[in-house]
């Protein structure tokens, strides 16, 4: 009979290395595929996936004593760690991408979906502006002012290009909850950006 994940986590927190080894075996393949997909979507080489996964588990071991079960699967926590490691890699390599800010219309799921439109999205509107990676970098400090879940959802959706369903699966949440997180995060980012960069030409209001 399989040992419940919560039991394995508790055992690992008490120093049981075999319990952590089991968690590793149960999550490694999915985590590696997810990291490789994020690298690929970001235009980075997927060969970095193994190093990022290794560092993810290393950090997980160090952070395990402080881990709290908040009703999400253990792998959701690993996805969070790995996602920020991928972001660090892309920033350190000065990887350049293009994003498009759109004029946000009111209401509905389309508002959050439109926040970062892909440059290759069909039917671009005249008011859309291309924002390169160095311009996106100025938003990173603003993202850190969001809640942990909002920040993770926004990075998954609009930096790594995951769908709502993919983001929900990685975060161990329902799709509707992800849409709500992103919608609230968009509102907060618009307010923070306007306050800190009042002269910017990027249209986010």
Protein backbone atom coordinates (compact mmCIF):
# COMPACT_ATOMS: atom_id res chain seq x y z
CA UNK A 1 0.00 0.00 0.00
CA UNK A 2 1.38 3.38 -1.03
CA UNK A 3 2.42 5.72 1.75
CA UNK A 4 0.42 8.99 1.68
CA UNK A 5 2.40 11.98 0.49
CA UNK A 6 1.76 13.90 3.70
CA UNK A 7 3.29 11.02 5.66
CA UNK A 8 6.34 10.94 3.42
CA UNK A 9 6.81 14.67 3.86
CA UNK A 10 6.57 14.41 7.64
CA UNK A 11 9.05 11.54 7.66
CA UNK A 12 11.44 13.46 5.42
CA UNK A 13 11.18 16.49 7.70
CA UNK A 14 12.24 14.22 10.55
CA UNK A 15 15.37 13.21 8.67
CA UNK A 16 14.18 10.06 6.90
CA UNK A 17 16.25 10.11 3.70
CA UNK A 18 14.39 7.17 2.20
CA UNK A 19 11.13 9.13 2.48
CA UNK A 20 12.63 12.04 0.58
CA UNK A 21 14.03 9.59 -1.98
CA UNK A 22 10.50 8.32 -2.53
CA UNK A 23 9.20 11.86 -3.01
CA UNK A 24 12.04 12.44 -5.47
CA UNK A 25 11.17 9.35 -7.50
CA UNK A 26 7.49 10.29 -7.52
CA UNK A 27 8.04 13.83 -8.77
CA UNK A 28 11.28 13.86 -10.78
CA UNK A 29 9.93 12.98 -14.23
CA UNK A 30 7.04 15.44 -14.12
CA UNK A 31 9.26 18.22 -12.78
CA UNK A 32 11.95 17.60 -15.42
CA UNK A 33 9.38 17.71 -18.24
CA UNK A 34 7.87 20.93 -16.87
CA UNK A 35 11.26 22.64 -16.55
CA UNK A 36 12.30 21.57 -20.06
CA UNK A 37 9.01 22.91 -21.42
CA UNK A 38 9.53 26.29 -19.74
CA UNK A 39 13.05 26.53 -21.12
CA UNK A 40 11.83 25.62 -24.60
CA UNK A 41 9.00 28.15 -24.52
CA UNK A 42 11.43 30.80 -23.33
CA UNK A 43 13.81 30.09 -26.21
CA UNK A 44 16.47 28.71 -23.87
CA UNK A 45 18.22 25.38 -24.36
CA UNK A 46 16.43 22.48 -22.61
CA UNK A 47 19.82 20.98 -21.70
CA UNK A 48 19.71 23.28 -18.66
CA UNK A 49 16.78 21.28 -17.30
CA UNK A 50 18.85 18.68 -15.46
CA UNK A 51 20.90 21.32 -13.63
CA UNK A 52 17.78 23.24 -12.64
CA UNK A 53 16.03 20.09 -11.41
CA UNK A 54 19.11 19.12 -9.39
CA UNK A 55 19.25 22.57 -7.79
CA UNK A 56 15.50 22.44 -7.14
CA UNK A 57 15.79 19.28 -5.06
CA UNK A 58 18.87 20.62 -3.31
CA UNK A 59 16.93 23.70 -2.26
CA UNK A 60 13.94 21.56 -1.34
CA UNK A 61 16.09 19.53 1.05
CA UNK A 62 17.38 22.70 2.68
CA UNK A 63 13.91 24.22 2.88
CA UNK A 64 12.10 21.08 3.99
CA UNK A 65 12.16 21.92 7.73
CA UNK A 66 10.15 25.07 6.98
CA UNK A 67 7.78 23.44 4.49
CA UNK A 68 4.11 23.78 5.40
CA UNK A 69 1.30 21.74 3.93
CA UNK A 70 -1.14 24.29 2.51
CA UNK A 71 -3.37 21.84 0.74
CA UNK A 72 -1.35 21.70 -2.47
CA UNK A 73 0.64 18.71 -3.74
CA UNK A 74 4.33 18.54 -2.84
CA UNK A 75 5.28 18.91 -6.50
CA UNK A 76 3.53 22.29 -6.63
CA UNK A 77 6.17 23.54 -4.18
CA UNK A 78 8.90 22.06 -6.38
CA UNK A 79 7.41 23.79 -9.42
CA UNK A 80 7.58 27.08 -7.54
CA UNK A 81 11.27 26.62 -6.73
CA UNK A 82 12.11 25.49 -10.26
CA UNK A 83 10.16 28.34 -11.86
CA UNK A 84 12.25 30.97 -10.11
CA UNK A 85 15.45 29.11 -10.97
CA UNK A 86 14.47 29.19 -14.64
CA UNK A 87 13.75 32.90 -14.31
CA UNK A 88 17.18 33.45 -12.74
CA UNK A 89 18.82 31.58 -15.61
CA UNK A 90 17.04 33.61 -18.26
CA UNK A 91 17.92 36.88 -16.56
CA UNK A 92 21.56 35.96 -15.96
CA UNK A 93 22.04 34.92 -19.57
CA UNK A 94 20.47 38.20 -20.72
CA UNK A 95 18.03 36.11 -22.70
CA UNK A 96 15.88 38.41 -24.80
CA UNK A 97 12.23 37.89 -25.45
CA UNK A 98 9.46 40.11 -26.68
CA UNK A 99 6.19 40.75 -24.93
CA UNK A 100 3.24 42.83 -25.83
CA UNK A 101 1.34 44.95 -23.38
CA UNK A 102 -2.20 45.56 -24.43
CA UNK A 103 -4.67 48.16 -23.41
CA UNK A 104 -6.69 46.32 -20.79
CA UNK A 105 -10.40 46.42 -21.33
CA UNK A 106 -12.74 46.08 -18.41
CA UNK A 107 -14.01 42.83 -16.96
CA UNK A 108 -13.88 39.16 -17.83
CA UNK A 109 -11.09 36.64 -18.14
CA UNK A 110 -9.83 38.39 -21.27
CA UNK A 111 -8.36 41.20 -19.19
CA UNK A 112 -5.79 39.01 -17.51
CA UNK A 113 -5.21 36.97 -20.66
CA UNK A 114 -4.45 40.18 -22.55
CA UNK A 115 -1.90 41.54 -20.08
CA UNK A 116 1.04 39.86 -21.78
CA UNK A 117 0.03 39.01 -25.32
CA UNK A 118 2.49 37.05 -27.38
CA UNK A 119 4.15 39.04 -30.21
CA UNK A 120 2.94 36.44 -32.70
CA UNK A 121 -0.67 36.69 -31.53
CA UNK A 122 -2.96 37.30 -34.50
CA UNK A 123 -4.91 40.51 -34.98
CA UNK A 124 -2.64 42.84 -33.02
CA UNK A 125 -4.32 46.13 -32.21
CA UNK A 126 -2.60 49.47 -33.02
CA UNK A 127 -2.19 50.45 -29.39
CA UNK A 128 -0.20 47.33 -28.56
CA UNK A 129 3.46 47.89 -27.81
CA UNK A 130 6.30 45.42 -27.90
CA UNK A 131 8.18 45.22 -24.64
CA UNK A 132 11.62 43.60 -24.76
CA UNK A 133 13.21 41.56 -22.00
CA UNK A 134 15.06 44.48 -20.45
CA UNK A 135 11.77 46.36 -20.14
CA UNK A 136 10.08 43.30 -18.68
CA UNK A 137 12.86 43.11 -16.09
CA UNK A 138 11.64 46.35 -14.52
CA UNK A 139 8.39 44.55 -13.72
CA UNK A 140 10.12 41.81 -11.74
CA UNK A 141 10.41 43.95 -8.56
CA UNK A 142 6.70 44.73 -8.92
CA UNK A 143 5.88 41.04 -9.17
CA UNK A 144 7.66 40.50 -5.87
CA UNK A 145 5.12 42.84 -4.27
CA UNK A 146 2.31 40.46 -5.15
CA UNK A 147 1.31 37.52 -3.00
CA UNK A 148 3.34 34.35 -3.54
CA UNK A 149 0.50 32.64 -5.39
CA UNK A 150 -0.25 35.68 -7.57
CA UNK A 151 3.41 35.99 -8.54
CA UNK A 152 3.71 32.31 -9.37
CA UNK A 153 0.54 32.35 -11.46
CA UNK A 154 1.63 35.45 -13.39
CA UNK A 155 5.07 34.07 -14.16
CA UNK A 156 3.63 30.76 -15.33
CA UNK A 157 1.01 32.40 -17.50
CA UNK A 158 2.81 35.38 -18.97
CA UNK A 159 6.53 34.72 -18.69
CA UNK A 160 6.63 30.99 -19.41
CA UNK A 161 3.52 30.98 -21.57
CA UNK A 162 1.65 28.18 -19.84
CA UNK A 163 -2.07 27.87 -20.41
CA UNK A 164 -4.53 28.37 -17.56
CA UNK A 165 -4.97 24.60 -17.34
CA UNK A 166 -1.20 23.95 -17.30
CA UNK A 167 -0.70 26.62 -14.66
CA UNK A 168 -3.49 25.15 -12.54
CA UNK A 169 -1.97 21.69 -12.79
CA UNK A 170 1.48 22.91 -11.78
CA UNK A 171 0.14 24.93 -8.88
CA UNK A 172 -2.23 22.24 -7.68
CA UNK A 173 -5.21 24.54 -8.05
CA UNK A 174 -8.38 24.79 -10.09
CA UNK A 175 -8.37 26.76 -13.34
CA UNK A 176 -10.91 29.22 -12.00
CA UNK A 177 -8.67 30.01 -9.04
CA UNK A 178 -5.76 30.69 -11.41
CA UNK A 179 -7.88 33.10 -13.45
CA UNK A 180 -8.89 34.92 -10.29
CA UNK A 181 -5.28 35.15 -9.11
CA UNK A 182 -4.14 36.56 -12.43
CA UNK A 183 -7.00 39.03 -12.63
CA UNK A 184 -6.23 40.43 -9.20
CA UNK A 185 -2.50 40.47 -9.94
CA UNK A 186 -3.07 42.45 -13.14
CA UNK A 187 -4.98 45.08 -11.19
CA UNK A 188 -2.19 45.31 -8.62
CA UNK A 189 0.57 45.47 -11.25
CA UNK A 190 -1.21 48.25 -13.14
CA UNK A 191 -1.48 50.27 -9.93
CA UNK A 192 2.14 49.61 -8.86
CA UNK A 193 3.53 50.35 -12.32
CA UNK A 194 1.64 53.62 -12.57
CA UNK A 195 2.97 54.68 -9.17
CA UNK A 196 6.61 53.76 -9.77
CA UNK A 197 6.93 54.55 -13.49
CA UNK A 198 4.51 57.42 -14.13
CA UNK A 199 6.36 58.61 -17.23
CA UNK A 200 6.59 55.24 -18.96
CA UNK A 201 5.05 54.95 -22.39
CA UNK A 202 3.96 51.38 -21.83
CA UNK A 203 0.20 51.43 -21.77
CA UNK A 204 -1.16 49.28 -18.99
CA UNK A 205 -4.17 51.36 -17.99
